[in-house]
Amino acid sequence: MARSAPPRDAPAPATPAGAAPAGGRRRRGLRAGLAAVVAVLLVGGGGYAGVVLSGGDGDGGHGTADGAPRSPSASGSSTTSGVSGAGVSGAGDSLTAIDPVDSTYYGLESGTSAVDGTRYEDALHTTDCDAGYAEYNLGRSYRAFDVVLGLDDNSRNQPMTVTVLADGVRLDRDHVAIGQSFHRRLDVSGVLRLRVEWAPGAEDACGTVVLAAPTLLR
């Protein structure tokens, strides 16, 4: 009996319902494998893999793992250096550093003095027994004149009168004697010329007048 010839093109085997194509299975397999690798890297390698995958630099220099700019505190605390001033509130200029623009022949001399038991390294004192004065140009640059007035503890115990004037206007007058001191802070705001006068309380007898710590405050 004669056999029938088989068809030239056999139909492809039918794909079971719900089954994915072979190519799709391979792609899903690759993604699953990549996810597993990333998970291993994240667990074993810390945040470095996350930085690389997110586009960060990984060296801690310019970014974080989420790509945000690094906070200045992330690498340590910052320090601020301050510059200390020359003094408190521009603590001022010593009158001993300013040359008088006018004075009697025997004027004031700078040096060390003791007044009422306190020693002052910065002071002005009289050098003669006659009355005298010394005048200073402040240039309208100061707001106050701070000074301790008295007689030097080693001088004769002869009272003296000390007067302080600003542009001709009297600011203070004190009668000083041994064992006394007068701390004065005088307003010299806008003053051009500061004048200090001294005079003995009796003829042919005088003590040594001291302007201790004479400071011009700005």
N, C-alpha and C. Protein backbone atom coordinates (compact mmCIF):
# COMPACT_ATOMS: atom_id res chain seq x y z
N MET A 1 0.86 -1.18 0.00
CA MET A 1 0.00 0.00 0.00
C MET A 1 0.89 1.22 0.00
N ALA A 2 0.49 2.24 -0.80
CA ALA A 2 1.34 3.43 -0.98
C ALA A 2 1.23 4.34 0.24
N ARG A 3 2.44 4.92 0.61
CA ARG A 3 2.48 5.88 1.75
C ARG A 3 2.23 7.30 1.24
N SER A 4 1.55 8.11 2.12
CA SER A 4 1.34 9.51 1.77
C SER A 4 2.55 10.34 2.16
N ALA A 5 2.92 11.28 1.30
CA ALA A 5 4.12 12.12 1.58
C ALA A 5 3.81 13.12 2.69
N PRO A 6 4.77 13.37 3.58
CA PRO A 6 4.58 14.36 4.67
C PRO A 6 4.53 15.77 4.12
N PRO A 7 3.85 16.68 4.77
CA PRO A 7 3.79 18.07 4.29
C PRO A 7 5.17 18.69 4.32
N ARG A 8 5.38 19.62 3.32
CA ARG A 8 6.72 20.21 3.21
C ARG A 8 7.05 21.08 4.43
N ASP A 9 6.13 21.88 4.84
CA ASP A 9 6.43 22.79 5.99
C ASP A 9 5.55 22.40 7.17
N ALA A 10 6.21 21.83 8.15
CA ALA A 10 5.46 21.44 9.33
C ALA A 10 5.20 22.67 10.19
N PRO A 11 4.04 22.87 10.72
CA PRO A 11 3.76 24.04 11.58
C PRO A 11 4.57 24.01 12.85
N ALA A 12 4.95 25.25 13.34
CA ALA A 12 5.76 25.32 14.58
C ALA A 12 4.94 24.87 15.75
N PRO A 13 5.61 24.25 16.72
CA PRO A 13 4.88 23.76 17.90
C PRO A 13 4.17 24.91 18.58
N ALA A 14 2.99 24.67 19.04
CA ALA A 14 2.19 25.71 19.70
C ALA A 14 2.79 26.07 21.04
N THR A 15 2.73 27.40 21.37
CA THR A 15 3.24 27.87 22.68
C THR A 15 2.14 27.77 23.70
N PRO A 16 2.43 27.14 24.83
CA PRO A 16 1.40 27.01 25.84
C PRO A 16 0.91 28.37 26.30
N ALA A 17 -0.36 28.44 26.63
CA ALA A 17 -0.95 29.71 27.07
C ALA A 17 -0.25 30.21 28.32
N GLY A 18 0.05 31.55 28.33
CA GLY A 18 0.67 32.16 29.51
C GLY A 18 2.17 32.04 29.53
N ALA A 19 2.79 31.27 28.60
CA ALA A 19 4.24 31.10 28.64
C ALA A 19 4.89 32.26 27.94
N ALA A 20 6.01 32.78 28.48
CA ALA A 20 6.73 33.90 27.87
C ALA A 20 7.65 33.38 26.81
N PRO A 21 7.89 34.22 25.81
CA PRO A 21 8.86 33.82 24.78
C PRO A 21 10.21 33.59 25.40
N ALA A 22 11.02 32.77 24.66
CA ALA A 22 12.35 32.42 25.19
C ALA A 22 13.21 33.65 25.38
N GLY A 23 13.13 34.61 24.40
CA GLY A 23 13.94 35.83 24.53
C GLY A 23 13.58 36.61 25.77
N GLY A 24 12.28 36.73 26.10
CA GLY A 24 11.85 37.45 27.29
C GLY A 24 12.39 36.81 28.54
N ARG A 25 12.43 35.45 28.54
CA ARG A 25 12.96 34.76 29.71
C ARG A 25 14.42 35.10 29.92
N ARG A 26 15.15 35.21 28.80
CA ARG A 26 16.59 35.52 28.93
C ARG A 26 16.78 36.92 29.49
N ARG A 27 15.97 37.92 29.02
CA ARG A 27 16.12 39.29 29.51
C ARG A 27 15.78 39.39 31.00
N ARG A 28 14.67 38.69 31.37
CA ARG A 28 14.33 38.72 32.79
C ARG A 28 15.40 38.05 33.63
N GLY A 29 16.01 37.04 33.08
CA GLY A 29 17.09 36.36 33.81
C GLY A 29 18.29 37.28 34.00
N LEU A 30 18.62 38.07 32.97
CA LEU A 30 19.75 38.99 33.09
C LEU A 30 19.46 40.06 34.13
N ARG A 31 18.22 40.62 34.12
CA ARG A 31 17.89 41.66 35.08
C ARG A 31 17.93 41.12 36.51
N ALA A 32 17.42 39.91 36.65
CA ALA A 32 17.44 39.32 37.99
C ALA A 32 18.87 39.11 38.46
N GLY A 33 19.75 38.67 37.51
CA GLY A 33 21.15 38.45 37.89
C GLY A 33 21.84 39.76 38.26
N LEU A 34 21.55 40.86 37.49
CA LEU A 34 22.15 42.16 37.79
C LEU A 34 21.68 42.67 39.14
N ALA A 35 20.39 42.50 39.42
CA ALA A 35 19.87 42.94 40.72
C ALA A 35 20.55 42.21 41.86
N ALA A 36 20.82 40.92 41.65
CA ALA A 36 21.50 40.16 42.71
C ALA A 36 22.91 40.67 42.92
N VAL A 37 23.59 41.03 41.81
CA VAL A 37 24.96 41.54 41.92
C VAL A 37 24.98 42.86 42.68
N VAL A 38 24.02 43.75 42.32
CA VAL A 38 23.95 45.04 43.00
C VAL A 38 23.69 44.85 44.49
N ALA A 39 22.78 43.91 44.81
CA ALA A 39 22.48 43.66 46.22
C ALA A 39 23.71 43.21 46.97
N VAL A 40 24.51 42.33 46.34
CA VAL A 40 25.72 41.84 46.99
C VAL A 40 26.70 42.98 47.20
N LEU A 41 26.84 43.85 46.16
CA LEU A 41 27.76 44.97 46.28
C LEU A 41 27.34 45.93 47.38
N LEU A 42 26.01 46.20 47.47
CA LEU A 42 25.54 47.11 48.49
C LEU A 42 25.79 46.57 49.88
N VAL A 43 25.63 45.25 50.05
CA VAL A 43 25.83 44.65 51.35
C VAL A 43 27.31 44.58 51.68
N GLY A 44 28.12 44.13 50.71
CA GLY A 44 29.54 43.91 50.99
C GLY A 44 30.38 45.14 50.80
N GLY A 45 29.99 46.04 49.85
CA GLY A 45 30.85 47.18 49.55
C GLY A 45 30.36 48.48 50.10
N GLY A 46 29.27 48.52 50.87
CA GLY A 46 28.80 49.73 51.48
C GLY A 46 28.21 50.67 50.45
N GLY A 47 28.39 51.98 50.72
CA GLY A 47 27.75 52.99 49.89
C GLY A 47 28.48 53.27 48.60
N TYR A 48 29.68 52.67 48.39
CA TYR A 48 30.44 53.01 47.20
C TYR A 48 29.69 52.64 45.94
N ALA A 49 29.06 51.46 45.90
CA ALA A 49 28.34 51.05 44.70
C ALA A 49 27.19 51.98 44.43
N GLY A 50 26.50 52.42 45.52
CA GLY A 50 25.39 53.35 45.34
C GLY A 50 25.87 54.66 44.77
N VAL A 51 27.06 55.14 45.22
CA VAL A 51 27.60 56.37 44.69
C VAL A 51 27.91 56.24 43.22
N VAL A 52 28.55 55.14 42.84
CA VAL A 52 28.91 54.94 41.44
C VAL A 52 27.68 54.86 40.57
N LEU A 53 26.66 54.11 41.04
CA LEU A 53 25.46 53.94 40.24
C LEU A 53 24.69 55.24 40.10
N SER A 54 24.77 56.12 41.12
CA SER A 54 24.00 57.36 41.07
C SER A 54 24.77 58.48 40.39
N GLY A 55 26.00 58.24 40.02
CA GLY A 55 26.77 59.26 39.34
C GLY A 55 27.63 60.08 40.26
N GLY A 56 27.70 59.79 41.60
CA GLY A 56 28.56 60.52 42.53
C GLY A 56 30.00 60.17 42.30
N ASP A 57 30.90 60.87 43.11
CA ASP A 57 32.31 60.66 42.87
C ASP A 57 32.94 59.63 43.76
N GLY A 58 32.33 59.27 44.90
CA GLY A 58 32.83 58.16 45.70
C GLY A 58 34.05 58.45 46.51
N ASP A 59 34.68 59.65 46.34
CA ASP A 59 35.88 59.91 47.12
C ASP A 59 35.62 60.88 48.27
N GLY A 60 34.36 61.23 48.45
CA GLY A 60 34.02 62.11 49.58
C GLY A 60 34.42 63.54 49.32
N GLY A 61 34.86 63.88 48.10
CA GLY A 61 35.36 65.21 47.89
C GLY A 61 34.31 66.22 47.53
N HIS A 62 33.31 65.86 46.71
CA HIS A 62 32.40 66.87 46.22
C HIS A 62 30.93 66.52 46.35
N GLY A 63 30.57 65.31 46.63
CA GLY A 63 29.15 64.97 46.67
C GLY A 63 28.87 63.84 47.62
N THR A 64 27.58 63.55 47.80
CA THR A 64 27.14 62.45 48.64
C THR A 64 26.52 61.40 47.74
N ALA A 65 26.09 60.29 48.36
CA ALA A 65 25.56 59.18 47.58
C ALA A 65 24.30 59.56 46.81
N ASP A 66 23.53 60.53 47.28
CA ASP A 66 22.30 60.91 46.58
C ASP A 66 22.54 62.06 45.61
N GLY A 67 23.81 62.45 45.42
CA GLY A 67 24.14 63.49 44.46
C GLY A 67 23.99 64.88 45.00
N ALA A 68 23.60 65.03 46.28
CA ALA A 68 23.44 66.36 46.85
C ALA A 68 24.80 66.92 47.24
N PRO A 69 24.97 68.27 47.25
CA PRO A 69 26.24 68.86 47.68
C PRO A 69 26.55 68.47 49.10
N ARG A 70 27.85 68.30 49.40
CA ARG A 70 28.26 67.89 50.74
C ARG A 70 28.15 69.06 51.70
N SER A 71 27.58 68.79 52.86
CA SER A 71 27.49 69.81 53.88
C SER A 71 28.87 70.08 54.43
N PRO A 72 29.19 71.36 54.77
CA PRO A 72 30.51 71.65 55.33
C PRO A 72 30.79 70.87 56.59
N SER A 73 29.75 70.47 57.34
CA SER A 73 29.98 69.76 58.58
C SER A 73 30.21 68.28 58.35
N ALA A 74 30.08 67.80 57.12
CA ALA A 74 30.21 66.38 56.89
C ALA A 74 31.64 65.92 57.07
N SER A 75 32.62 66.78 56.78
CA SER A 75 34.01 66.37 56.88
C SER A 75 34.67 66.90 58.13
N GLY A 76 33.95 67.58 59.00
CA GLY A 76 34.53 68.08 60.23
C GLY A 76 34.01 69.47 60.52
N SER A 77 34.23 69.92 61.75
CA SER A 77 33.75 71.24 62.14
C SER A 77 34.64 72.31 61.55
N SER A 78 34.03 73.45 61.23
CA SER A 78 34.80 74.55 60.69
C SER A 78 35.24 75.46 61.82
N THR A 79 36.35 76.17 61.64
CA THR A 79 36.85 77.08 62.64
C THR A 79 36.88 78.48 62.07
N THR A 80 36.64 79.45 62.93
CA THR A 80 36.69 80.84 62.52
C THR A 80 37.75 81.54 63.33
N SER A 81 38.69 82.19 62.65
CA SER A 81 39.75 82.88 63.37
C SER A 81 39.37 84.34 63.52
N GLY A 82 39.48 84.82 64.70
CA GLY A 82 39.17 86.21 64.96
C GLY A 82 40.44 87.02 65.12
N VAL A 83 40.33 88.26 64.92
CA VAL A 83 41.46 89.16 65.08
C VAL A 83 41.18 90.02 66.29
N SER A 84 42.07 89.93 67.24
CA SER A 84 41.87 90.73 68.41
C SER A 84 42.29 92.16 68.15
N GLY A 85 41.51 93.08 68.75
CA GLY A 85 41.82 94.47 68.53
C GLY A 85 42.98 94.92 69.36
N ALA A 86 43.44 96.10 69.12
CA ALA A 86 44.55 96.65 69.84
C ALA A 86 44.19 96.96 71.28
N GLY A 87 42.92 97.17 71.54
CA GLY A 87 42.49 97.46 72.88
C GLY A 87 41.00 97.42 72.99
N VAL A 88 40.51 97.61 74.26
CA VAL A 88 39.09 97.57 74.47
C VAL A 88 38.49 98.88 73.98
N SER A 89 37.52 98.78 73.07
CA SER A 89 36.84 99.93 72.50
C SER A 89 37.83 100.94 71.95
N GLY A 90 38.90 100.47 71.37
CA GLY A 90 39.96 101.35 70.93
C GLY A 90 40.53 101.99 72.17
N ALA A 91 40.91 101.14 73.19
CA ALA A 91 41.19 101.52 74.56
C ALA A 91 41.85 102.86 74.66
N GLY A 92 42.35 103.38 73.60
CA GLY A 92 42.76 104.76 73.63
C GLY A 92 44.24 104.97 73.44
N ASP A 93 44.62 106.24 73.47
CA ASP A 93 46.00 106.65 73.29
C ASP A 93 46.46 107.33 74.57
N SER A 94 47.66 107.00 74.98
CA SER A 94 48.21 107.64 76.17
C SER A 94 48.61 109.08 75.84
N LEU A 95 48.29 109.97 76.73
CA LEU A 95 48.69 111.36 76.54
C LEU A 95 50.21 111.50 76.56
N THR A 96 50.88 110.53 77.17
CA THR A 96 52.35 110.58 77.21
C THR A 96 52.97 110.40 75.83
N ALA A 97 52.18 109.84 74.88
CA ALA A 97 52.70 109.61 73.53
C ALA A 97 52.45 110.79 72.60
N ILE A 98 51.78 111.83 73.10
CA ILE A 98 51.46 113.00 72.28
C ILE A 98 52.31 114.18 72.76
N ASP A 99 53.00 114.79 71.86
CA ASP A 99 53.80 115.96 72.21
C ASP A 99 52.90 117.18 72.36
N PRO A 100 53.13 117.97 73.39
CA PRO A 100 52.33 119.19 73.54
C PRO A 100 52.65 120.19 72.43
N VAL A 101 51.63 120.91 72.00
CA VAL A 101 51.85 121.94 70.98
C VAL A 101 52.23 123.27 71.63
N ASP A 102 52.02 123.37 72.94
CA ASP A 102 52.38 124.59 73.67
C ASP A 102 52.55 124.22 75.14
N SER A 103 53.53 124.83 75.79
CA SER A 103 53.73 124.58 77.23
C SER A 103 54.73 125.59 77.79
N THR A 104 54.75 125.67 79.11
CA THR A 104 55.78 126.48 79.76
C THR A 104 57.13 125.78 79.60
N TYR A 105 58.19 126.51 79.88
CA TYR A 105 59.53 125.94 79.67
C TYR A 105 59.70 124.65 80.47
N TYR A 106 59.29 124.69 81.73
CA TYR A 106 59.30 123.47 82.54
C TYR A 106 57.88 122.89 82.49
N GLY A 107 57.71 121.98 81.60
CA GLY A 107 56.38 121.43 81.41
C GLY A 107 56.21 120.09 82.11
N LEU A 108 55.53 119.16 81.43
CA LEU A 108 55.30 117.82 81.97
C LEU A 108 56.29 116.84 81.35
N GLU A 109 56.71 115.92 82.17
CA GLU A 109 57.66 114.90 81.72
C GLU A 109 57.07 113.52 81.97
N SER A 110 57.26 112.59 81.03
CA SER A 110 56.72 111.24 81.20
C SER A 110 57.67 110.38 82.02
N GLY A 111 57.09 109.42 82.72
CA GLY A 111 57.90 108.53 83.53
C GLY A 111 57.02 107.70 84.45
N THR A 112 57.63 107.10 85.47
CA THR A 112 56.93 106.28 86.44
C THR A 112 56.69 107.09 87.72
N SER A 113 55.48 106.98 88.25
CA SER A 113 55.15 107.72 89.48
C SER A 113 54.30 106.85 90.39
N ALA A 114 54.30 107.22 91.68
CA ALA A 114 53.44 106.55 92.66
C ALA A 114 52.51 107.60 93.24
N VAL A 115 51.22 107.30 93.23
CA VAL A 115 50.21 108.21 93.76
C VAL A 115 49.34 107.47 94.75
N ASP A 116 49.29 107.97 95.98
CA ASP A 116 48.45 107.38 97.03
C ASP A 116 48.69 105.88 97.16
N GLY A 117 49.96 105.49 97.09
CA GLY A 117 50.33 104.09 97.29
C GLY A 117 50.24 103.21 96.06
N THR A 118 49.81 103.74 94.93
CA THR A 118 49.70 102.96 93.70
C THR A 118 50.77 103.42 92.71
N ARG A 119 51.49 102.46 92.17
CA ARG A 119 52.56 102.78 91.22
C ARG A 119 52.01 102.74 89.79
N TYR A 120 52.33 103.76 89.03
CA TYR A 120 51.87 103.87 87.64
C TYR A 120 53.10 103.92 86.72
N GLU A 121 53.13 102.99 85.79
CA GLU A 121 54.23 102.95 84.84
C GLU A 121 54.08 104.02 83.76
N ASP A 122 52.84 104.43 83.52
CA ASP A 122 52.56 105.42 82.48
C ASP A 122 52.01 106.67 83.15
N ALA A 123 52.81 107.72 83.19
CA ALA A 123 52.39 108.92 83.91
C ALA A 123 53.13 110.15 83.38
N LEU A 124 52.53 111.31 83.64
CA LEU A 124 53.16 112.61 83.39
C LEU A 124 53.31 113.30 84.74
N HIS A 125 54.41 114.03 84.94
CA HIS A 125 54.59 114.74 86.20
C HIS A 125 55.28 116.07 85.95
N THR A 126 55.06 117.01 86.86
CA THR A 126 55.68 118.32 86.74
C THR A 126 57.17 118.21 87.10
N THR A 127 57.94 119.19 86.63
CA THR A 127 59.40 119.15 86.82
C THR A 127 59.93 120.40 87.52
N ASP A 128 59.05 121.32 87.88
CA ASP A 128 59.50 122.56 88.50
C ASP A 128 58.46 123.02 89.51
N CYS A 129 58.87 123.92 90.38
CA CYS A 129 57.97 124.38 91.43
C CYS A 129 57.07 125.52 91.00
N ASP A 130 57.29 126.09 89.85
CA ASP A 130 56.47 127.20 89.39
C ASP A 130 55.16 126.69 88.79
N ALA A 131 54.24 127.62 88.66
CA ALA A 131 53.00 127.31 87.95
C ALA A 131 53.33 127.07 86.48
N GLY A 132 52.50 126.26 85.83
CA GLY A 132 52.77 125.98 84.43
C GLY A 132 51.55 125.40 83.72
N TYR A 133 51.76 125.06 82.46
CA TYR A 133 50.66 124.47 81.67
C TYR A 133 51.27 123.66 80.53
N ALA A 134 50.44 122.81 79.96
CA ALA A 134 50.79 122.06 78.75
C ALA A 134 49.50 121.90 77.95
N GLU A 135 49.60 122.11 76.65
CA GLU A 135 48.41 122.08 75.80
C GLU A 135 48.63 121.08 74.66
N TYR A 136 47.58 120.32 74.37
CA TYR A 136 47.68 119.22 73.40
C TYR A 136 46.61 119.37 72.32
N ASN A 137 46.97 119.00 71.11
CA ASN A 137 46.02 119.00 69.99
C ASN A 137 45.37 117.62 69.91
N LEU A 138 44.07 117.56 70.17
CA LEU A 138 43.35 116.28 70.10
C LEU A 138 42.74 116.05 68.72
N GLY A 139 42.71 117.08 67.90
CA GLY A 139 42.19 116.92 66.54
C GLY A 139 40.72 116.52 66.48
N ARG A 140 39.99 116.78 67.54
CA ARG A 140 38.56 116.40 67.62
C ARG A 140 38.36 114.90 67.37
N SER A 141 39.32 114.11 67.82
CA SER A 141 39.31 112.67 67.54
C SER A 141 38.94 111.80 68.72
N TYR A 142 38.68 112.39 69.90
CA TYR A 142 38.46 111.58 71.10
C TYR A 142 37.14 111.97 71.77
N ARG A 143 36.65 111.04 72.60
CA ARG A 143 35.38 111.27 73.28
C ARG A 143 35.55 111.49 74.77
N ALA A 144 36.67 111.00 75.36
CA ALA A 144 36.85 111.14 76.80
C ALA A 144 38.33 111.17 77.16
N PHE A 145 38.61 111.83 78.26
CA PHE A 145 39.96 111.87 78.82
C PHE A 145 39.91 111.25 80.20
N ASP A 146 40.58 110.11 80.38
CA ASP A 146 40.57 109.37 81.63
C ASP A 146 41.93 109.53 82.31
N VAL A 147 41.93 109.94 83.59
CA VAL A 147 43.21 110.24 84.26
C VAL A 147 43.03 110.15 85.77
N VAL A 148 44.14 109.87 86.47
CA VAL A 148 44.18 109.92 87.92
C VAL A 148 45.10 111.08 88.30
N LEU A 149 44.58 112.02 89.06
CA LEU A 149 45.34 113.21 89.45
C LEU A 149 45.77 113.09 90.91
N GLY A 150 46.97 113.57 91.21
CA GLY A 150 47.46 113.55 92.58
C GLY A 150 48.87 114.09 92.65
N LEU A 151 49.49 113.93 93.82
CA LEU A 151 50.90 114.28 94.01
C LEU A 151 51.71 113.00 94.10
N ASP A 152 52.92 113.08 93.59
CA ASP A 152 53.82 111.93 93.72
C ASP A 152 54.11 111.67 95.19
N ASP A 153 54.07 110.40 95.57
CA ASP A 153 54.27 110.04 96.97
C ASP A 153 55.64 110.45 97.49
N ASN A 154 56.58 110.68 96.62
CA ASN A 154 57.93 111.06 97.04
C ASN A 154 58.18 112.57 96.96
N SER A 155 57.14 113.33 96.65
CA SER A 155 57.32 114.78 96.55
C SER A 155 57.12 115.46 97.91
N ARG A 156 57.35 116.75 97.94
CA ARG A 156 57.07 117.52 99.15
C ARG A 156 55.56 117.55 99.38
N ASN A 157 55.15 117.57 100.64
CA ASN A 157 53.73 117.58 100.97
C ASN A 157 53.21 119.02 100.94
N GLN A 158 53.17 119.53 99.72
CA GLN A 158 52.67 120.88 99.50
C GLN A 158 51.54 120.79 98.47
N PRO A 159 50.32 121.16 98.86
CA PRO A 159 49.17 121.04 97.97
C PRO A 159 49.38 121.82 96.68
N MET A 160 48.74 121.31 95.62
CA MET A 160 48.78 121.93 94.30
C MET A 160 47.35 121.97 93.75
N THR A 161 47.13 122.90 92.84
CA THR A 161 45.84 122.99 92.16
C THR A 161 46.04 122.59 90.71
N VAL A 162 45.19 121.66 90.22
CA VAL A 162 45.28 121.17 88.84
C VAL A 162 43.97 121.49 88.14
N THR A 163 44.09 122.11 86.97
CA THR A 163 42.91 122.49 86.20
C THR A 163 43.01 121.91 84.80
N VAL A 164 41.91 121.35 84.31
CA VAL A 164 41.86 120.79 82.96
C VAL A 164 40.84 121.58 82.15
N LEU A 165 41.25 122.05 80.97
CA LEU A 165 40.37 122.85 80.11
C LEU A 165 40.30 122.23 78.72
N ALA A 166 39.14 122.42 78.08
CA ALA A 166 38.94 121.94 76.71
C ALA A 166 38.49 123.12 75.86
N ASP A 167 39.32 123.51 74.91
CA ASP A 167 39.03 124.68 74.06
C ASP A 167 38.65 125.88 74.91
N GLY A 168 39.40 126.07 76.01
CA GLY A 168 39.20 127.23 76.88
C GLY A 168 38.12 127.08 77.93
N VAL A 169 37.39 125.99 77.90
CA VAL A 169 36.31 125.76 78.86
C VAL A 169 36.80 124.81 79.95
N ARG A 170 36.62 125.23 81.21
CA ARG A 170 37.12 124.40 82.31
C ARG A 170 36.28 123.14 82.47
N LEU A 171 36.94 122.01 82.48
CA LEU A 171 36.27 120.72 82.69
C LEU A 171 36.40 120.24 84.13
N ASP A 172 37.54 120.57 84.79
CA ASP A 172 37.78 120.03 86.14
C ASP A 172 38.84 120.87 86.83
N ARG A 173 38.68 120.98 88.15
CA ARG A 173 39.72 121.62 88.98
C ARG A 173 39.79 120.87 90.30
N ASP A 174 40.99 120.44 90.66
CA ASP A 174 41.18 119.68 91.90
C ASP A 174 42.36 120.26 92.68
N HIS A 175 42.20 120.23 94.02
CA HIS A 175 43.29 120.61 94.93
C HIS A 175 43.86 119.31 95.49
N VAL A 176 45.08 119.01 95.10
CA VAL A 176 45.66 117.70 95.41
C VAL A 176 46.73 117.83 96.48
N ALA A 177 46.83 116.77 97.30
CA ALA A 177 47.83 116.73 98.35
C ALA A 177 48.34 115.30 98.48
N ILE A 178 49.37 115.12 99.25
CA ILE A 178 49.92 113.78 99.47
C ILE A 178 48.85 112.87 100.08
N GLY A 179 48.78 111.64 99.58
CA GLY A 179 47.82 110.67 100.11
C GLY A 179 46.44 110.79 99.50
N GLN A 180 46.29 111.63 98.47
CA GLN A 180 45.00 111.77 97.80
C GLN A 180 45.16 111.43 96.31
N SER A 181 44.06 110.94 95.74
CA SER A 181 44.03 110.71 94.28
C SER A 181 42.62 110.98 93.80
N PHE A 182 42.53 111.50 92.59
CA PHE A 182 41.24 111.85 92.00
C PHE A 182 41.16 111.21 90.61
N HIS A 183 40.27 110.24 90.49
CA HIS A 183 40.07 109.59 89.19
C HIS A 183 39.01 110.37 88.43
N ARG A 184 39.39 110.88 87.27
CA ARG A 184 38.48 111.68 86.48
C ARG A 184 38.34 111.10 85.07
N ARG A 185 37.08 111.09 84.56
CA ARG A 185 36.82 110.77 83.15
C ARG A 185 36.03 111.95 82.60
N LEU A 186 36.69 112.73 81.75
CA LEU A 186 36.14 114.00 81.29
C LEU A 186 35.72 113.89 79.83
N ASP A 187 34.59 114.51 79.53
CA ASP A 187 34.05 114.48 78.16
C ASP A 187 34.85 115.46 77.28
N VAL A 188 35.49 114.91 76.24
CA VAL A 188 36.24 115.75 75.30
C VAL A 188 35.74 115.54 73.88
N SER A 189 34.49 115.16 73.73
CA SER A 189 33.92 114.94 72.40
C SER A 189 33.99 116.24 71.59
N GLY A 190 34.58 116.16 70.40
CA GLY A 190 34.67 117.32 69.52
C GLY A 190 35.69 118.36 69.94
N VAL A 191 36.50 118.07 70.96
CA VAL A 191 37.47 119.04 71.47
C VAL A 191 38.71 119.07 70.59
N LEU A 192 39.17 120.28 70.30
CA LEU A 192 40.39 120.44 69.52
C LEU A 192 41.64 120.51 70.40
N ARG A 193 41.61 121.39 71.41
CA ARG A 193 42.78 121.56 72.27
C ARG A 193 42.45 121.24 73.73
N LEU A 194 43.30 120.40 74.31
CA LEU A 194 43.20 120.04 75.72
C LEU A 194 44.36 120.71 76.46
N ARG A 195 44.02 121.40 77.55
CA ARG A 195 45.05 122.15 78.29
C ARG A 195 45.03 121.72 79.75
N VAL A 196 46.20 121.46 80.30
CA VAL A 196 46.36 121.11 81.72
C VAL A 196 47.20 122.20 82.38
N GLU A 197 46.68 122.76 83.48
CA GLU A 197 47.38 123.81 84.22
C GLU A 197 47.61 123.34 85.65
N TRP A 198 48.70 123.80 86.24
CA TRP A 198 48.99 123.48 87.63
C TRP A 198 49.58 124.72 88.31
N ALA A 199 49.31 124.83 89.60
CA ALA A 199 49.80 126.00 90.36
C ALA A 199 49.97 125.60 91.82
N PRO A 200 51.01 126.09 92.46
CA PRO A 200 51.23 125.79 93.88
C PRO A 200 50.22 126.49 94.77
N GLY A 201 49.99 125.89 95.92
CA GLY A 201 49.05 126.50 96.86
C GLY A 201 49.68 127.57 97.70
N ALA A 202 50.99 127.61 97.73
CA ALA A 202 51.69 128.62 98.51
C ALA A 202 52.95 129.03 97.76
N GLU A 203 53.41 130.25 97.99
CA GLU A 203 54.61 130.72 97.31
C GLU A 203 55.83 129.94 97.78
N ASP A 204 56.69 129.64 96.82
CA ASP A 204 57.98 129.00 97.11
C ASP A 204 57.82 127.62 97.76
N ALA A 205 56.66 126.97 97.56
CA ALA A 205 56.46 125.62 98.08
C ALA A 205 55.54 124.87 97.13
N CYS A 206 55.93 123.71 96.75
CA CYS A 206 55.09 122.96 95.81
C CYS A 206 55.38 121.47 95.90
N GLY A 207 54.37 120.72 95.50
CA GLY A 207 54.54 119.29 95.37
C GLY A 207 54.68 118.93 93.89
N THR A 208 54.93 117.67 93.61
CA THR A 208 55.07 117.20 92.22
C THR A 208 53.73 116.66 91.75
N VAL A 209 53.11 117.38 90.82
CA VAL A 209 51.81 116.97 90.29
C VAL A 209 51.98 115.79 89.35
N VAL A 210 51.06 114.83 89.45
CA VAL A 210 51.10 113.64 88.60
C VAL A 210 49.77 113.47 87.88
N LEU A 211 49.86 113.22 86.57
CA LEU A 211 48.72 112.77 85.77
C LEU A 211 49.00 111.29 85.47
N ALA A 212 48.40 110.41 86.26
CA ALA A 212 48.67 108.98 86.14
C ALA A 212 47.74 108.31 85.16
N ALA A 213 48.30 107.42 84.34
CA ALA A 213 47.53 106.71 83.32
C ALA A 213 46.66 107.64 82.51
N PRO A 214 47.20 108.71 81.95
CA PRO A 214 46.39 109.68 81.20
C PRO A 214 46.02 109.11 79.84
N THR A 215 44.75 108.78 79.64
CA THR A 215 44.33 108.05 78.44
C THR A 215 43.23 108.79 77.72
N LEU A 216 43.40 108.94 76.41
CA LEU A 216 42.38 109.54 75.54
C LEU A 216 41.60 108.42 74.88
N LEU A 217 40.29 108.40 75.10
CA LEU A 217 39.44 107.33 74.59
C LEU A 217 38.71 107.79 73.33
N ARG A 218 38.68 106.91 72.34
CA ARG A 218 37.99 107.22 71.08
C ARG A 218 36.52 106.83 71.18
